[in-house]
Protein backbone atom coordinates (compact mmCIF):
# COMPACT_ATOMS: atom_id res chain seq x y z
CA MET A 1 -10.74 -16.52 -5.32
CA LEU A 2 -9.21 -16.10 -1.66
CA PRO A 3 -5.67 -17.23 -1.02
CA LYS A 4 -5.43 -20.35 1.26
CA ILE A 5 -5.13 -19.06 4.76
CA SER A 6 -5.89 -20.72 8.26
CA PRO A 7 -8.61 -18.99 10.04
CA ASP A 8 -6.31 -18.94 13.03
CA GLN A 9 -3.38 -17.43 11.06
CA PRO A 10 -2.72 -13.38 11.30
CA VAL A 11 -3.14 -11.88 7.65
CA LEU A 12 -1.06 -9.06 6.61
CA ILE A 13 -2.34 -7.43 3.35
CA ALA A 14 -0.17 -4.67 1.63
CA GLY A 15 -0.53 -3.03 -1.88
CA PRO A 16 -0.49 0.04 -3.63
CA THR A 17 -3.25 2.72 -3.35
CA ALA A 18 -6.72 1.81 -5.12
CA SER A 19 -5.42 -1.70 -5.68
CA GLY A 20 -8.47 -3.27 -3.80
CA LYS A 21 -6.89 -4.52 -0.44
CA SER A 22 -9.98 -3.42 1.47
CA ALA A 23 -12.18 -5.73 -0.41
CA LEU A 24 -9.76 -8.71 0.12
CA ALA A 25 -9.76 -8.01 3.78
CA LEU A 26 -13.60 -7.65 4.27
CA GLU A 27 -13.68 -11.00 2.44
CA ILE A 28 -11.63 -12.96 4.69
CA ALA A 29 -13.08 -11.29 7.81
CA GLN A 30 -16.45 -12.11 6.65
CA GLN A 31 -15.57 -15.84 5.70
CA GLN A 32 -13.15 -16.68 8.60
CA GLY A 33 -13.69 -14.01 10.95
CA GLY A 34 -10.91 -11.61 12.52
CA VAL A 35 -10.67 -7.70 13.25
CA ILE A 36 -9.46 -5.76 10.03
CA ILE A 37 -6.68 -3.35 11.45
CA ASN A 38 -5.72 -0.20 9.64
CA ALA A 39 -2.07 0.25 8.52
CA ASP A 40 -2.55 3.07 6.57
CA ALA A 41 -1.28 6.54 7.80
CA SER A 42 -3.81 8.66 6.22
CA GLN A 43 -6.82 6.78 7.37
CA VAL A 44 -6.13 7.37 11.19
CA TYR A 45 -7.66 10.74 10.99
CA ASP A 46 -11.32 11.24 11.70
CA CYS A 47 -11.60 14.14 9.24
CA TRP A 48 -11.47 12.12 6.11
CA ARG A 49 -13.26 9.20 5.22
CA VAL A 50 -14.20 9.36 1.56
CA ILE A 51 -10.98 11.04 0.48
CA THR A 52 -8.71 8.42 2.18
CA ALA A 53 -11.10 5.56 1.15
CA ARG A 54 -11.60 4.36 4.66
CA PRO A 55 -14.12 1.65 5.23
CA THR A 56 -17.71 2.71 5.07
CA ALA A 57 -20.15 3.33 8.19
CA ALA A 58 -21.93 0.08 7.03
CA GLU A 59 -18.67 -1.88 6.55
CA GLU A 60 -17.48 -0.99 10.13
CA ALA A 61 -21.09 -1.77 11.58
CA GLY A 62 -20.83 -5.28 10.07
CA THR A 63 -17.22 -6.21 10.77
CA ARG A 64 -14.94 -5.10 13.40
CA HIS A 65 -12.45 -2.49 12.56
CA ALA A 66 -9.73 -0.90 14.36
CA LEU A 67 -7.55 2.13 14.36
CA TYR A 68 -9.62 3.82 11.72
CA GLY A 69 -10.52 7.51 11.90
CA HIS A 70 -9.68 7.61 15.50
CA LEU A 71 -7.35 10.68 15.68
CA HIS A 72 -8.07 14.19 15.43
CA PHE A 73 -6.63 16.00 12.56
CA ASP A 74 -4.02 17.75 14.15
CA ALA A 75 -2.71 14.90 15.96
CA ALA A 76 0.99 13.83 15.74
CA TYR A 77 1.47 10.05 14.62
CA SER A 78 4.33 8.18 13.70
CA ALA A 79 4.94 4.52 12.85
CA GLY A 80 6.01 4.25 16.88
CA HIS A 81 2.41 5.22 17.71
CA TRP A 82 0.80 2.86 15.54
CA LEU A 83 3.08 -0.12 16.63
CA ARG A 84 2.20 0.95 20.45
CA GLU A 85 -1.67 1.02 19.26
CA VAL A 86 -1.57 -2.28 17.37
CA THR A 87 0.32 -4.51 20.03
CA PRO A 88 -2.60 -5.08 22.31
CA LEU A 89 -4.65 -6.01 19.19
CA LEU A 90 -2.33 -8.74 18.36
CA SER A 91 -3.11 -10.73 21.13
CA GLY A 92 -6.98 -9.83 21.49
CA PRO A 93 -10.01 -12.39 21.05
CA ASP A 94 -10.01 -11.75 17.30
CA ARG A 95 -7.38 -12.98 14.70
CA PRO A 96 -5.86 -9.76 13.15
CA ILE A 97 -6.12 -8.72 9.62
CA ILE A 98 -3.79 -5.96 8.98
CA ILE A 99 -4.28 -4.08 5.99
CA GLY A 100 -2.72 -0.91 4.57
CA GLY A 101 -0.10 0.75 2.30
CA THR A 102 2.23 2.46 4.61
CA GLY A 103 5.31 0.00 4.41
CA LEU A 104 6.95 1.67 7.37
CA TYR A 105 4.28 0.29 9.43
CA TYR A 106 4.80 -3.27 8.32
CA THR A 107 8.55 -2.88 8.65
CA ALA A 108 8.20 -1.91 12.37
CA LEU A 109 5.82 -4.66 12.92
CA THR A 110 7.53 -7.81 11.06
CA ILE A 111 11.12 -6.60 11.38
CA GLY A 112 11.10 -4.34 14.49
CA MET A 113 11.45 -0.90 15.40
CA ALA A 114 14.28 0.95 17.17
CA GLU A 115 13.22 2.74 20.49
CA ILE A 116 14.02 6.29 19.47
CA PRO A 117 13.60 8.93 22.13
CA PRO A 118 10.84 11.51 21.23
CA THR A 119 12.03 14.47 19.08
CA PRO A 120 11.60 17.65 21.01
CA ALA A 121 9.35 20.22 19.53
CA GLU A 122 11.80 22.73 19.11
CA ILE A 123 14.04 20.51 16.89
CA ARG A 124 10.87 19.43 14.84
CA ALA A 125 10.09 23.12 14.34
CA LEU A 126 13.56 23.95 12.87
CA GLY A 127 12.94 20.97 10.38
CA ASP A 128 9.78 22.12 9.25
CA ASP A 129 11.61 25.47 7.96
CA LEU A 130 14.70 23.78 6.20
CA PRO A 131 14.55 22.48 2.57
CA ILE A 132 14.95 18.67 2.22
CA GLU A 133 18.18 19.33 0.33
CA ASP A 134 19.65 20.66 3.47
CA MET A 135 18.74 18.08 5.64
CA LEU A 136 20.10 15.54 3.22
CA LEU A 137 23.29 17.14 3.34
CA VAL A 138 23.93 15.89 7.10
CA LEU A 139 22.59 12.48 6.87
CA ASP A 140 25.01 9.67 6.55
CA VAL A 141 25.16 7.60 3.43
CA GLU A 142 23.77 4.58 5.34
CA THR A 143 20.74 6.13 6.40
CA LYS A 144 19.95 7.78 2.92
CA SER A 145 20.34 4.28 1.66
CA ARG A 146 17.37 3.03 3.74
CA ILE A 147 14.99 5.78 3.26
CA ASP A 148 13.03 7.38 0.38
CA VAL A 149 14.93 10.55 -0.08
CA LYS A 150 12.38 12.11 -2.01
CA ASN A 151 9.88 11.93 0.78
CA ARG A 152 10.03 14.81 2.84
CA ALA A 153 8.67 13.29 6.03
CA ARG A 154 11.15 10.48 6.04
CA VAL A 155 13.95 12.75 5.26
CA GLN A 156 12.88 14.94 8.04
CA ARG A 157 12.41 12.33 10.82
CA ALA A 158 16.09 11.08 9.86
CA TRP A 159 17.40 14.84 10.25
CA GLU A 160 15.33 15.10 13.60
CA VAL A 161 16.75 11.84 15.04
CA LEU A 162 20.32 12.98 14.22
CA GLN A 163 19.93 16.42 15.71
CA ALA A 164 17.83 15.08 18.86
CA THR A 165 20.64 12.22 19.79
CA GLY A 166 23.41 12.93 18.16
CA LYS A 167 23.24 9.34 16.34
CA PRO A 168 22.35 8.35 12.95
CA LEU A 169 19.04 6.88 12.23
CA SER A 170 20.85 4.14 10.68
CA ALA A 171 22.67 3.04 13.96
CA TRP A 172 19.42 3.40 15.84
CA GLN A 173 18.01 0.78 13.45
CA ASP A 174 20.75 -1.56 13.87
CA ASP A 175 20.08 -1.61 17.45
CA THR A 176 16.39 -2.88 16.81
CA PRO A 177 14.71 -5.23 19.27
CA PRO A 178 12.83 -8.53 17.81
CA PRO A 179 9.69 -7.85 15.65
CA LEU A 180 6.09 -8.23 17.64
CA LEU A 181 4.95 -10.36 14.58
CA PRO A 182 7.41 -11.82 12.01
CA VAL A 183 6.58 -12.48 8.49
CA SER A 184 6.95 -16.22 9.10
CA ALA A 185 3.90 -16.38 11.77
CA CYS A 186 1.70 -14.93 9.03
CA ALA A 187 -0.25 -14.97 5.93
CA ALA A 188 1.44 -12.11 4.39
CA LEU A 189 0.18 -10.93 1.06
CA VAL A 190 1.44 -8.14 -1.00
CA PHE A 191 -0.79 -7.02 -3.81
CA ASP A 192 1.08 -7.63 -7.43
CA VAL A 193 -0.95 -5.55 -10.03
CA ASP A 194 -0.37 -4.51 -13.53
CA LYS A 195 0.72 -1.10 -13.79
CA ASP A 196 -1.95 0.06 -16.55
CA TRP A 197 -4.70 -1.91 -14.60
CA LEU A 198 -4.01 0.34 -11.52
CA GLU A 199 -3.64 3.51 -13.44
CA THR A 200 -7.08 2.88 -14.75
CA ARG A 201 -8.47 2.44 -11.31
CA ILE A 202 -6.71 5.66 -10.22
CA ARG A 203 -8.00 7.65 -12.79
CA ARG A 204 -11.52 6.52 -11.59
CA ARG A 205 -10.88 7.07 -8.12
CA PHE A 206 -11.15 10.81 -8.16
CA ASP A 207 -14.59 10.85 -9.45
CA LEU A 208 -15.71 8.20 -7.36
CA MET A 209 -14.43 10.05 -4.39
CA LEU A 210 -16.59 13.16 -5.66
CA ASP A 211 -19.52 11.01 -5.96
CA GLN A 212 -19.35 9.79 -2.38
CA GLY A 213 -19.08 13.37 -0.82
CA ALA A 214 -15.08 13.95 -1.05
CA LEU A 215 -15.89 17.76 -1.67
CA ASP A 216 -18.34 17.87 1.39
CA GLU A 217 -15.42 16.74 3.46
CA ALA A 218 -13.08 19.31 1.92
CA LYS A 219 -15.57 22.04 2.66
CA ALA A 220 -15.77 20.98 6.37
CA MET A 221 -12.27 21.33 6.86
CA GLN A 222 -11.75 24.35 4.89
CA ASP A 223 -11.14 26.83 7.81
CA ARG A 224 -8.70 24.14 9.49
CA TYR A 225 -6.53 23.27 6.61
CA ASP A 226 -2.94 23.44 7.22
CA PRO A 227 -0.83 21.88 4.43
CA ALA A 228 2.07 21.34 7.20
CA LEU A 229 -0.08 18.81 9.10
CA PRO A 230 0.19 15.00 8.01
CA SER A 231 -3.46 14.66 7.81
CA CYS A 232 -3.98 17.50 5.24
CA ARG A 233 -1.32 16.07 3.08
CA ALA A 234 -3.82 12.94 2.20
CA ILE A 235 -3.87 12.96 -1.64
CA GLY A 236 -6.81 14.77 -2.87
CA VAL A 237 -6.88 17.25 -0.04
CA PRO A 238 -4.50 19.54 -1.55
CA GLU A 239 -6.25 19.41 -4.82
CA LEU A 240 -9.89 19.83 -3.47
CA MET A 241 -8.66 22.62 -1.24
CA GLY A 242 -7.23 24.39 -4.44
CA TYR A 243 -10.46 24.33 -6.17
CA LEU A 244 -12.41 25.55 -3.02
CA ASN A 245 -10.03 28.53 -2.79
CA GLY A 246 -10.30 29.29 -6.55
CA GLU A 247 -6.96 28.34 -7.56
CA LEU A 248 -7.51 25.21 -9.63
CA THR A 249 -10.57 24.10 -11.81
CA MET A 250 -12.08 20.82 -10.92
CA GLU A 251 -10.31 19.49 -14.19
CA GLN A 252 -7.08 20.60 -12.85
CA ALA A 253 -7.79 19.26 -9.54
CA ARG A 254 -8.62 15.80 -11.13
CA GLU A 255 -5.44 15.73 -13.12
CA GLN A 256 -3.03 16.84 -10.31
CA ALA A 257 -4.81 14.25 -7.78
CA SER A 258 -4.49 11.37 -10.51
CA VAL A 259 -0.63 12.37 -11.06
CA ALA A 260 0.01 12.45 -7.26
CA THR A 261 -1.49 9.12 -6.74
CA ARG A 262 0.29 7.49 -9.61
CA ARG A 263 3.24 8.61 -8.07
CA PHE A 264 2.47 7.55 -4.64
CA ALA A 265 1.62 4.12 -6.04
CA LYS A 266 5.06 3.95 -7.97
CA ARG A 267 6.89 4.69 -4.54
CA GLN A 268 4.75 2.28 -2.74
CA ARG A 269 5.38 -0.64 -5.24
CA THR A 270 9.19 0.29 -5.04
CA TRP A 271 9.19 -0.16 -1.44
CA PHE A 272 7.31 -3.51 -1.77
CA ARG A 273 9.59 -4.88 -4.12
CA SER A 274 12.35 -3.93 -1.88
CA LYS A 275 11.14 -4.59 1.65
CA MET A 276 8.63 -7.41 0.95
CA ARG A 277 10.30 -10.04 -1.12
CA ASP A 278 9.43 -12.87 1.47
CA TRP A 279 5.73 -11.84 1.13
CA LEU A 280 3.40 -13.64 -1.07
CA PRO A 281 2.29 -12.05 -4.18
CA TYR A 282 -1.50 -11.74 -4.57
CA THR A 283 -3.26 -10.81 -7.86
CA PRO A 284 -6.78 -9.51 -7.76
CA THR A 285 -9.07 -10.94 -10.30
CA GLU A 286 -11.11 -7.84 -10.95
């Protein structure tokens, strides 16, 4: 059953991977109207539809979608890029239904985002070559308390900000402008799902991806695959590339992808519990 939502009210839907967020967004859009807007960092790239569980072509044709598959595989993209792209959609003709699992996007939208200057390419290149442990050594305690210190992208971003500006990320965050869309102005739903229920869905997901053509997507990108690119770190991509390169059996690829997905979902749930306490918990019926 759909939660009680006014047709004029912006909708935010967050949840761990494989929890069924897209189905809920589509149902709300079909029953009440609205544009479904992507808030998932992997689904912005044009090279992956099946692997990242982007909406199907038929779904996109039947209901307006935005910010899905609009970037080339090697394009740079961040929460700042996403916030700039989503801004005009908030005041467009259609009510926004924003869905995804990238918690940082929602934080930028509903709490605000510091206006940090762009990182010079030479500093980013230095960070690419540093172990995560070395970057953590120079970060301040407050910054480390606010980021996922096991997430290399988050740690490197904090390191880059410090190197480029001489100012800790935490200090930039403390000087954040007002949010574009506070939670109080939305129907903000966060999926609250049973761990075992989610794990069952995660284990089925890899085989479903294969049935829908994920291996063909990987083959099409094999010559351009670069594990350093954010687009190529989408779960399922390294594992399928390992299979195509003869480094993994399909069973090993399946198991490694399932493990990676479970770990990712755990990090997502931890973020949601910490950052989305004022959101309405939503439990799917299937």
